[in-house]
Amino acid sequence: MKDKYLIGEVCKLFNITRDTLVHYDKIGLLSPKKDDKNGYRYYGIEDINCLMDIMLFKQLNLPLNEINKVVRNSSPSDILALIKEKEIYLQEEMEKVKKLQKRLGLMKLAVETCANDLNKIELKSKKESCFFVEITKENKFNDFVEILEGLKDFDEYLADYVNFSFLIDEGVLFDEEADEKIKWGISLREDCDIKTKNKLHYKLETISNNKYIYTVISLDDNDYDDWIQYIRDIVAKNNIDVAGSIFGRMLLTVYKDETPIDYFEVFIPIK
């Protein structure tokens, strides 16, 4: 067995680059020795063993500064502490991946709904319950972000269970002052964490229907000027006997020539 390995030999043996070894030398992690006879720089057996440890810890995604501490001065307890810390980190990363998978699933479902159900009129039953939180009664569409400005301490996954929504109380739809009586706010999915609900400090209205007419509408900037007529037309043209509050929530915003187009799913309860 050789007891001296030149830099090129180490690179080939471990399939790493010369720049990597130069960097390790620069930061004091692993430095080659100099042969006084020929001036060549080489790595001894201990250096090779140390490099194997370095590569093992790198596979655990430990930063080089932590690896440097381990190969300089460490005990089994020190390494065990690093492993436990890494376990916690990996668990947190797995939770993030699970949340991301859930987010992608919800987004996929929303986009598929917009693509497949636009302007369709369907009779459905057993709508999942959700909670409506009235934010404003003003006759305008606030941007979703603006509505959330007053809500504090939410995590980054808020959009997974919250939608910009409206609620038209029973009997209001054909009222001459309907625009001023529509409730604007956000809706929370039924599986929303109870702590999140409590943070809102608003009155929650439960939205749940056993039987309803379902459709998806799209509105651009011009449509918003008289958007409620869309709902009135749906009710009138299909002879719908409304029996409760009409609920709508935004699913998606797309853009055409830089103009936003909002997609809403609408639930019209019937007897």
C-alpha atoms as a PDB file:
ATOM      1  CA  MET A   1       0.000   0.000   0.000  1.00  0.00           C
ATOM      2  CA  LYS A   2       1.260   3.430  -0.839  1.00  0.00           C
ATOM      3  CA  ASP A   3       1.861   5.856   1.985  1.00  0.00           C
ATOM      4  CA  LYS A   4       1.970   8.968  -0.181  1.00  0.00           C
ATOM      5  CA  TYR A   5      -0.578  10.202  -2.719  1.00  0.00           C
ATOM      6  CA  LEU A   6      -0.102  13.140  -5.029  1.00  0.00           C
ATOM      7  CA  ILE A   7      -2.958  15.612  -5.494  1.00  0.00           C
ATOM      8  CA  GLY A   8      -3.840  14.216  -8.913  1.00  0.00           C
ATOM      9  CA  GLU A   9      -3.981  10.678  -7.513  1.00  0.00           C
ATOM     10  CA  VAL A  10      -6.308  11.765  -4.705  1.00  0.00           C
ATOM     11  CA  CYS A  11      -8.576  13.530  -7.181  1.00  0.00           C
ATOM     12  CA  LYS A  12      -8.819  10.372  -9.268  1.00  0.00           C
ATOM     13  CA  LEU A  13      -9.242   8.109  -6.242  1.00  0.00           C
ATOM     14  CA  PHE A  14     -12.119  10.105  -4.747  1.00  0.00           C
ATOM     15  CA  ASN A  15     -13.509  11.573  -7.971  1.00  0.00           C
ATOM     16  CA  ILE A  16     -13.132  15.139  -6.744  1.00  0.00           C
ATOM     17  CA  THR A  17     -11.595  18.185  -8.389  1.00  0.00           C
ATOM     18  CA  ARG A  18      -8.249  19.770  -7.738  1.00  0.00           C
ATOM     19  CA  ASP A  19     -10.080  23.016  -6.911  1.00  0.00           C
ATOM     20  CA  THR A  20     -11.892  21.205  -4.088  1.00  0.00           C
ATOM     21  CA  LEU A  21      -8.650  20.062  -2.498  1.00  0.00           C
ATOM     22  CA  VAL A  22      -7.146  23.536  -2.971  1.00  0.00           C
ATOM     23  CA  HIS A  23     -10.168  25.013  -1.196  1.00  0.00           C
ATOM     24  CA  TYR A  24      -9.859  22.536   1.685  1.00  0.00           C
ATOM     25  CA  ASP A  25      -6.214  23.534   2.010  1.00  0.00           C
ATOM     26  CA  LYS A  26      -7.098  27.238   1.903  1.00  0.00           C
ATOM     27  CA  ILE A  27      -9.629  27.019   4.738  1.00  0.00           C
ATOM     28  CA  GLY A  28      -7.384  24.745   6.796  1.00  0.00           C
ATOM     29  CA  LEU A  29      -9.630  21.724   6.572  1.00  0.00           C
ATOM     30  CA  LEU A  30      -7.130  19.361   4.934  1.00  0.00           C
ATOM     31  CA  SER A  31      -3.645  20.382   3.846  1.00  0.00           C
ATOM     32  CA  PRO A  32      -1.099  18.282   1.927  1.00  0.00           C
ATOM     33  CA  LYS A  33       2.453  17.890   3.126  1.00  0.00           C
ATOM     34  CA  LYS A  34       5.590  18.783   1.192  1.00  0.00           C
ATOM     35  CA  ASP A  35       8.221  16.219   0.296  1.00  0.00           C
ATOM     36  CA  ASP A  36      11.582  17.824   1.191  1.00  0.00           C
ATOM     37  CA  LYS A  37      13.398  15.619  -1.322  1.00  0.00           C
ATOM     38  CA  ASN A  38      11.510  16.523  -4.482  1.00  0.00           C
ATOM     39  CA  GLY A  39       9.262  19.394  -3.383  1.00  0.00           C
ATOM     40  CA  TYR A  40       6.064  17.559  -4.367  1.00  0.00           C
ATOM     41  CA  ARG A  41       2.957  18.027  -2.242  1.00  0.00           C
ATOM     42  CA  TYR A  42       1.308  14.808  -1.124  1.00  0.00           C
ATOM     43  CA  TYR A  43      -1.319  13.340   1.175  1.00  0.00           C
ATOM     44  CA  GLY A  44      -0.443  10.658   3.694  1.00  0.00           C
ATOM     45  CA  ILE A  45      -2.568   7.735   4.902  1.00  0.00           C
ATOM     46  CA  GLU A  46      -3.950   9.813   7.798  1.00  0.00           C
ATOM     47  CA  ASP A  47      -4.904  12.532   5.336  1.00  0.00           C
ATOM     48  CA  ILE A  48      -6.719   9.967   3.182  1.00  0.00           C
ATOM     49  CA  ASN A  49      -8.635   8.696   6.211  1.00  0.00           C
ATOM     50  CA  CYS A  50      -9.498  12.265   7.155  1.00  0.00           C
ATOM     51  CA  LEU A  51     -10.709  12.978   3.597  1.00  0.00           C
ATOM     52  CA  MET A  52     -12.989   9.943   3.786  1.00  0.00           C
ATOM     53  CA  ASP A  53     -14.507  11.356   6.985  1.00  0.00           C
ATOM     54  CA  ILE A  54     -14.888  14.761   5.365  1.00  0.00           C
ATOM     55  CA  MET A  55     -16.748  13.256   2.420  1.00  0.00           C
ATOM     56  CA  LEU A  56     -18.980  11.230   4.750  1.00  0.00           C
ATOM     57  CA  PHE A  57     -19.997  14.324   6.689  1.00  0.00           C
ATOM     58  CA  LYS A  58     -20.495  16.246   3.456  1.00  0.00           C
ATOM     59  CA  GLN A  59     -22.993  13.582   2.383  1.00  0.00           C
ATOM     60  CA  LEU A  60     -24.886  14.433   5.572  1.00  0.00           C
ATOM     61  CA  ASN A  61     -24.963  18.049   4.344  1.00  0.00           C
ATOM     62  CA  LEU A  62     -22.898  19.305   7.229  1.00  0.00           C
ATOM     63  CA  PRO A  63     -21.267  22.677   6.475  1.00  0.00           C
ATOM     64  CA  LEU A  64     -17.495  22.708   6.103  1.00  0.00           C
ATOM     65  CA  ASN A  65     -16.998  24.790   9.231  1.00  0.00           C
ATOM     66  CA  GLU A  66     -18.793  22.112  11.287  1.00  0.00           C
ATOM     67  CA  ILE A  67     -16.799  19.361   9.580  1.00  0.00           C
ATOM     68  CA  ASN A  68     -13.613  21.245  10.409  1.00  0.00           C
ATOM     69  CA  LYS A  69     -14.537  21.202  14.092  1.00  0.00           C
ATOM     70  CA  VAL A  70     -15.226  17.460  13.987  1.00  0.00           C
ATOM     71  CA  VAL A  71     -11.932  16.511  12.344  1.00  0.00           C
ATOM     72  CA  ARG A  72      -9.999  18.866  14.626  1.00  0.00           C
ATOM     73  CA  ASN A  73     -11.391  17.936  18.005  1.00  0.00           C
ATOM     74  CA  SER A  74     -14.488  15.864  18.672  1.00  0.00           C
ATOM     75  CA  SER A  75     -15.941  13.087  20.790  1.00  0.00           C
ATOM     76  CA  PRO A  76     -18.686  10.521  20.153  1.00  0.00           C
ATOM     77  CA  SER A  77     -21.032  12.845  22.057  1.00  0.00           C
ATOM     78  CA  ASP A  78     -20.161  15.735  19.761  1.00  0.00           C
ATOM     79  CA  ILE A  79     -20.842  13.683  16.641  1.00  0.00           C
ATOM     80  CA  LEU A  80     -24.055  12.315  18.138  1.00  0.00           C
ATOM     81  CA  ALA A  81     -25.242  15.864  18.784  1.00  0.00           C
ATOM     82  CA  LEU A  82     -24.551  16.767  15.144  1.00  0.00           C
ATOM     83  CA  ILE A  83     -26.466  13.711  13.942  1.00  0.00           C
ATOM     84  CA  LYS A  84     -29.477  14.548  16.115  1.00  0.00           C
ATOM     85  CA  GLU A  85     -29.394  18.130  14.887  1.00  0.00           C
ATOM     86  CA  LYS A  86     -29.333  16.832  11.319  1.00  0.00           C
ATOM     87  CA  GLU A  87     -32.281  14.522  12.038  1.00  0.00           C
ATOM     88  CA  ILE A  88     -34.335  17.489  13.235  1.00  0.00           C
ATOM     89  CA  TYR A  89     -33.367  19.467  10.130  1.00  0.00           C
ATOM     90  CA  LEU A  90     -34.367  16.614   7.812  1.00  0.00           C
ATOM     91  CA  GLN A  91     -37.697  16.191   9.592  1.00  0.00           C
ATOM     92  CA  GLU A  92     -38.423  19.882   9.121  1.00  0.00           C
ATOM     93  CA  GLU A  93     -37.492  19.622   5.427  1.00  0.00           C
ATOM     94  CA  MET A  94     -39.800  16.622   4.980  1.00  0.00           C
ATOM     95  CA  GLU A  95     -42.658  18.585   6.548  1.00  0.00           C
ATOM     96  CA  LYS A  96     -41.998  21.392   4.084  1.00  0.00           C
ATOM     97  CA  VAL A  97     -42.120  18.919   1.195  1.00  0.00           C
ATOM     98  CA  LYS A  98     -45.435  17.519   2.462  1.00  0.00           C
ATOM     99  CA  LYS A  99     -46.890  21.026   2.654  1.00  0.00           C
ATOM    100  CA  LEU A 100     -45.598  21.774  -0.828  1.00  0.00           C
ATOM    101  CA  GLN A 101     -47.221  18.583  -2.149  1.00  0.00           C
ATOM    102  CA  LYS A 102     -50.497  19.637  -0.555  1.00  0.00           C
ATOM    103  CA  ARG A 103     -50.206  23.123  -2.050  1.00  0.00           C
ATOM    104  CA  LEU A 104     -49.545  21.709  -5.513  1.00  0.00           C
ATOM    105  CA  GLY A 105     -52.527  19.394  -5.164  1.00  0.00           C
ATOM    106  CA  LEU A 106     -54.844  22.253  -4.199  1.00  0.00           C
ATOM    107  CA  MET A 107     -53.534  24.453  -7.000  1.00  0.00           C
ATOM    108  CA  LYS A 108     -53.925  21.654  -9.529  1.00  0.00           C
ATOM    109  CA  LEU A 109     -57.514  21.079  -8.424  1.00  0.00           C
ATOM    110  CA  ALA A 110     -58.311  24.801  -8.646  1.00  0.00           C
ATOM    111  CA  VAL A 111     -56.804  25.147 -12.130  1.00  0.00           C
ATOM    112  CA  GLU A 112     -58.574  22.012 -13.378  1.00  0.00           C
ATOM    113  CA  THR A 113     -61.845  23.369 -12.018  1.00  0.00           C
ATOM    114  CA  CYS A 114     -61.378  26.679 -13.849  1.00  0.00           C
ATOM    115  CA  ALA A 115     -60.509  24.888 -17.089  1.00  0.00           C
ATOM    116  CA  ASN A 116     -63.306  22.306 -16.970  1.00  0.00           C
ATOM    117  CA  ASP A 117     -66.224  24.018 -15.214  1.00  0.00           C
ATOM    118  CA  LEU A 118     -66.201  27.554 -16.631  1.00  0.00           C
ATOM    119  CA  ASN A 119     -69.801  28.684 -17.334  1.00  0.00           C
ATOM    120  CA  LYS A 120     -71.198  25.189 -16.699  1.00  0.00           C
ATOM    121  CA  ILE A 121     -74.346  24.958 -14.590  1.00  0.00           C
ATOM    122  CA  GLU A 122     -74.400  21.891 -12.376  1.00  0.00           C
ATOM    123  CA  LEU A 123     -76.617  20.611  -9.608  1.00  0.00           C
ATOM    124  CA  LYS A 124     -74.515  19.321  -6.740  1.00  0.00           C
ATOM    125  CA  SER A 125     -74.931  18.275  -3.142  1.00  0.00           C
ATOM    126  CA  LYS A 126     -72.980  18.045   0.083  1.00  0.00           C
ATOM    127  CA  LYS A 127     -70.632  20.975  -0.414  1.00  0.00           C
ATOM    128  CA  GLU A 128     -67.738  20.909   2.009  1.00  0.00           C
ATOM    129  CA  SER A 129     -68.195  23.389   4.828  1.00  0.00           C
ATOM    130  CA  CYS A 130     -66.032  26.474   5.101  1.00  0.00           C
ATOM    131  CA  PHE A 131     -65.936  29.640   7.163  1.00  0.00           C
ATOM    132  CA  PHE A 132     -66.513  33.141   5.858  1.00  0.00           C
ATOM    133  CA  VAL A 133     -64.922  36.185   7.476  1.00  0.00           C
ATOM    134  CA  GLU A 134     -66.323  39.559   6.474  1.00  0.00           C
ATOM    135  CA  ILE A 135     -63.595  42.145   6.020  1.00  0.00           C
ATOM    136  CA  THR A 136     -65.400  45.021   4.310  1.00  0.00           C
ATOM    137  CA  LYS A 137     -68.796  46.013   2.935  1.00  0.00           C
ATOM    138  CA  GLU A 138     -67.332  48.574   0.536  1.00  0.00           C
ATOM    139  CA  ASN A 139     -68.482  48.373  -3.066  1.00  0.00           C
ATOM    140  CA  LYS A 140     -65.124  47.359  -4.509  1.00  0.00           C
ATOM    141  CA  PHE A 141     -62.896  44.358  -5.091  1.00  0.00           C
ATOM    142  CA  ASN A 142     -59.895  44.603  -2.834  1.00  0.00           C
ATOM    143  CA  ASP A 143     -56.782  42.845  -3.933  1.00  0.00           C
ATOM    144  CA  PHE A 144     -56.296  39.611  -2.006  1.00  0.00           C
ATOM    145  CA  VAL A 145     -53.015  40.844  -0.560  1.00  0.00           C
ATOM    146  CA  GLU A 146     -54.617  44.061   0.659  1.00  0.00           C
ATOM    147  CA  ILE A 147     -57.253  42.093   2.534  1.00  0.00           C
ATOM    148  CA  LEU A 148     -54.552  40.122   4.314  1.00  0.00           C
ATOM    149  CA  GLU A 149     -52.592  43.181   5.386  1.00  0.00           C
ATOM    150  CA  GLY A 150     -54.585  43.401   8.593  1.00  0.00           C
ATOM    151  CA  LEU A 151     -54.075  39.749   9.435  1.00  0.00           C
ATOM    152  CA  LYS A 152     -50.944  39.094  11.445  1.00  0.00           C
ATOM    153  CA  ASP A 153     -48.817  36.112  12.379  1.00  0.00           C
ATOM    154  CA  PHE A 154     -49.825  33.805   9.549  1.00  0.00           C
ATOM    155  CA  ASP A 155     -47.373  31.334   8.082  1.00  0.00           C
ATOM    156  CA  GLU A 156     -46.300  31.156   4.451  1.00  0.00           C
ATOM    157  CA  TYR A 157     -48.916  28.499   3.702  1.00  0.00           C
ATOM    158  CA  LEU A 158     -51.846  30.831   4.353  1.00  0.00           C
ATOM    159  CA  ALA A 159     -52.929  30.692   0.706  1.00  0.00           C
ATOM    160  CA  ASP A 160     -53.444  26.931   1.015  1.00  0.00           C
ATOM    161  CA  TYR A 161     -56.616  27.364   3.025  1.00  0.00           C
ATOM    162  CA  VAL A 162     -57.736  30.968   2.510  1.00  0.00           C
ATOM    163  CA  ASN A 163     -59.555  32.447  -0.515  1.00  0.00           C
ATOM    164  CA  PHE A 164     -60.772  35.942  -1.374  1.00  0.00           C
ATOM    165  CA  SER A 165     -64.567  35.542  -1.236  1.00  0.00           C
ATOM    166  CA  PHE A 166     -67.978  37.186  -1.293  1.00  0.00           C
ATOM    167  CA  LEU A 167     -71.297  36.378   0.351  1.00  0.00           C
ATOM    168  CA  ILE A 168     -74.694  37.536  -0.909  1.00  0.00           C
ATOM    169  CA  ASP A 169     -77.284  37.092   1.821  1.00  0.00           C
ATOM    170  CA  GLU A 170     -80.636  35.591   0.882  1.00  0.00           C
ATOM    171  CA  GLY A 171     -82.952  38.172  -0.671  1.00  0.00           C
ATOM    172  CA  VAL A 172     -80.151  40.619  -1.537  1.00  0.00           C
ATOM    173  CA  LEU A 173     -79.342  39.498  -5.087  1.00  0.00           C
ATOM    174  CA  PHE A 174     -82.140  41.426  -6.841  1.00  0.00           C
ATOM    175  CA  ASP A 175     -82.153  44.316  -4.384  1.00  0.00           C
ATOM    176  CA  GLU A 176     -81.557  47.715  -6.019  1.00  0.00           C
ATOM    177  CA  GLU A 177     -78.771  48.332  -3.524  1.00  0.00           C
ATOM    178  CA  ALA A 178     -77.307  44.835  -3.804  1.00  0.00           C
ATOM    179  CA  ASP A 179     -73.812  46.123  -4.611  1.00  0.00           C
ATOM    180  CA  GLU A 180     -73.670  47.911  -1.278  1.00  0.00           C
ATOM    181  CA  LYS A 181     -75.001  44.942   0.705  1.00  0.00           C
ATOM    182  CA  ILE A 182     -72.660  42.248  -0.576  1.00  0.00           C
ATOM    183  CA  LYS A 183     -70.194  41.051   2.035  1.00  0.00           C
ATOM    184  CA  TRP A 184     -66.539  40.910   1.009  1.00  0.00           C
ATOM    185  CA  GLY A 185     -63.872  39.036   2.847  1.00  0.00           C
ATOM    186  CA  ILE A 186     -62.056  35.748   2.970  1.00  0.00           C
ATOM    187  CA  SER A 187     -63.122  32.167   3.390  1.00  0.00           C
ATOM    188  CA  LEU A 188     -61.250  29.484   5.298  1.00  0.00           C
ATOM    189  CA  ARG A 189     -61.421  25.820   4.456  1.00  0.00           C
ATOM    190  CA  GLU A 190     -63.006  23.550   7.030  1.00  0.00           C
ATOM    191  CA  ASP A 191     -59.687  21.869   7.808  1.00  0.00           C
ATOM    192  CA  CYS A 192     -58.095  25.211   8.700  1.00  0.00           C
ATOM    193  CA  ASP A 193     -56.240  25.090  12.012  1.00  0.00           C
ATOM    194  CA  ILE A 194     -58.350  26.325  14.951  1.00  0.00           C
ATOM    195  CA  LYS A 195     -55.467  28.593  16.033  1.00  0.00           C
ATOM    196  CA  THR A 196     -55.630  30.308  12.659  1.00  0.00           C
ATOM    197  CA  LYS A 197     -59.347  30.939  13.108  1.00  0.00           C
ATOM    198  CA  ASN A 198     -58.762  32.432  16.530  1.00  0.00           C
ATOM    199  CA  LYS A 199     -56.086  34.807  15.188  1.00  0.00           C
ATOM    200  CA  LEU A 200     -58.592  36.484  12.893  1.00  0.00           C
ATOM    201  CA  HIS A 201     -60.550  38.199  15.660  1.00  0.00           C
ATOM    202  CA  TYR A 202     -63.528  38.400  13.297  1.00  0.00           C
ATOM    203  CA  LYS A 203     -66.940  36.780  13.390  1.00  0.00           C
ATOM    204  CA  LEU A 204     -66.939  33.519  11.458  1.00  0.00           C
ATOM    205  CA  GLU A 205     -69.958  32.497   9.385  1.00  0.00           C
ATOM    206  CA  THR A 206     -70.272  28.823   8.555  1.00  0.00           C
ATOM    207  CA  ILE A 207     -71.050  28.150   4.886  1.00  0.00           C
ATOM    208  CA  SER A 208     -72.558  24.739   4.201  1.00  0.00           C
ATOM    209  CA  ASN A 209     -75.232  23.580   1.740  1.00  0.00           C
ATOM    210  CA  ASN A 210     -76.741  20.162   1.107  1.00  0.00           C
ATOM    211  CA  LYS A 211     -78.022  21.095  -2.347  1.00  0.00           C
ATOM    212  CA  TYR A 212     -76.832  23.872  -4.641  1.00  0.00           C
ATOM    213  CA  ILE A 213     -76.216  25.086  -8.158  1.00  0.00           C
ATOM    214  CA  TYR A 214     -72.532  25.270  -8.952  1.00  0.00           C
ATOM    215  CA  THR A 215     -70.701  27.208 -11.648  1.00  0.00           C
ATOM    216  CA  VAL A 216     -67.433  28.976 -12.387  1.00  0.00           C
ATOM    217  CA  ILE A 217     -67.337  32.500 -13.784  1.00  0.00           C
ATOM    218  CA  SER A 218     -64.449  34.612 -15.062  1.00  0.00           C
ATOM    219  CA  LEU A 219     -64.241  38.382 -14.679  1.00  0.00           C
ATOM    220  CA  ASP A 220     -61.824  40.907 -16.122  1.00  0.00           C
ATOM    221  CA  ASP A 221     -61.540  44.593 -15.194  1.00  0.00           C
ATOM    222  CA  ASN A 222     -64.485  45.593 -17.396  1.00  0.00           C
ATOM    223  CA  ASP A 223     -66.731  42.803 -16.093  1.00  0.00           C
ATOM    224  CA  TYR A 224     -66.322  44.024 -12.526  1.00  0.00           C
ATOM    225  CA  ASP A 225     -68.308  47.169 -13.333  1.00  0.00           C
ATOM    226  CA  ASP A 226     -71.524  45.128 -13.318  1.00  0.00           C
ATOM    227  CA  TRP A 227     -70.374  41.732 -12.181  1.00  0.00           C
ATOM    228  CA  ILE A 228     -73.426  41.003 -10.025  1.00  0.00           C
ATOM    229  CA  GLN A 229     -75.489  40.832 -13.197  1.00  0.00           C
ATOM    230  CA  TYR A 230     -73.615  37.641 -14.039  1.00  0.00           C
ATOM    231  CA  ILE A 231     -75.081  36.006 -10.938  1.00  0.00           C
ATOM    232  CA  ARG A 232     -78.542  37.439 -11.585  1.00  0.00           C
ATOM    233  CA  ASP A 233     -78.510  36.081 -15.150  1.00  0.00           C
ATOM    234  CA  ILE A 234     -77.534  32.623 -13.945  1.00  0.00           C
ATOM    235  CA  VAL A 235     -80.407  32.589 -11.459  1.00  0.00           C
ATOM    236  CA  ALA A 236     -82.958  34.035 -13.890  1.00  0.00           C
ATOM    237  CA  LYS A 237     -82.055  31.972 -16.973  1.00  0.00           C
ATOM    238  CA  ASN A 238     -82.054  28.710 -15.037  1.00  0.00           C
ATOM    239  CA  ASN A 239     -85.167  29.474 -12.945  1.00  0.00           C
ATOM    240  CA  ILE A 240     -83.250  28.902  -9.740  1.00  0.00           C
ATOM    241  CA  ASP A 241     -85.195  29.168  -6.487  1.00  0.00           C
ATOM    242  CA  VAL A 242     -82.478  30.553  -4.209  1.00  0.00           C
ATOM    243  CA  ALA A 243     -82.707  29.223  -0.664  1.00  0.00           C
ATOM    244  CA  GLY A 244     -79.879  30.754   1.334  1.00  0.00           C
ATOM    245  CA  SER A 245     -76.777  32.881   0.958  1.00  0.00           C
ATOM    246  CA  ILE A 246     -74.899  32.786  -2.357  1.00  0.00           C
ATOM    247  CA  PHE A 247     -71.234  32.146  -1.785  1.00  0.00           C
ATOM    248  CA  GLY A 248     -68.325  32.694  -4.166  1.00  0.00           C
ATOM    249  CA  ARG A 249     -64.589  32.336  -3.786  1.00  0.00           C
ATOM    250  CA  MET A 250     -61.694  33.179  -6.068  1.00  0.00           C
ATOM    251  CA  LEU A 251     -59.784  30.208  -7.404  1.00  0.00           C
ATOM    252  CA  LEU A 252     -57.294  31.648  -9.841  1.00  0.00           C
ATOM    253  CA  THR A 253     -56.031  34.743 -11.609  1.00  0.00           C
ATOM    254  CA  VAL A 254     -54.611  34.503 -15.130  1.00  0.00           C
ATOM    255  CA  TYR A 255     -53.439  37.238 -17.471  1.00  0.00           C
ATOM    256  CA  LYS A 256     -54.267  38.097 -21.060  1.00  0.00           C
ATOM    257  CA  ASP A 257     -52.198  40.874 -22.592  1.00  0.00           C
ATOM    258  CA  GLU A 258     -51.183  41.776 -19.023  1.00  0.00           C
ATOM    259  CA  THR A 259     -54.851  42.190 -18.036  1.00  0.00           C
ATOM    260  CA  PRO A 260     -55.869  40.079 -15.016  1.00  0.00           C
ATOM    261  CA  ILE A 261     -58.818  37.706 -15.330  1.00  0.00           C
ATOM    262  CA  ASP A 262     -60.214  36.336 -12.068  1.00  0.00           C
ATOM    263  CA  TYR A 263     -61.969  32.978 -11.807  1.00  0.00           C
ATOM    264  CA  PHE A 264     -64.611  32.484  -9.122  1.00  0.00           C
ATOM    265  CA  GLU A 265     -66.511  29.357  -8.202  1.00  0.00           C
ATOM    266  CA  VAL A 266     -70.095  30.176  -7.193  1.00  0.00           C
ATOM    267  CA  PHE A 267     -72.404  28.189  -4.933  1.00  0.00           C
ATOM    268  CA  ILE A 268     -76.122  29.014  -5.148  1.00  0.00           C
ATOM    269  CA  PRO A 269     -78.137  27.096  -2.536  1.00  0.00           C
ATOM    270  CA  ILE A 270     -81.551  25.755  -3.598  1.00  0.00           C
ATOM    271  CA  LYS A 271     -84.446  24.025  -1.884  1.00  0.00           C
END
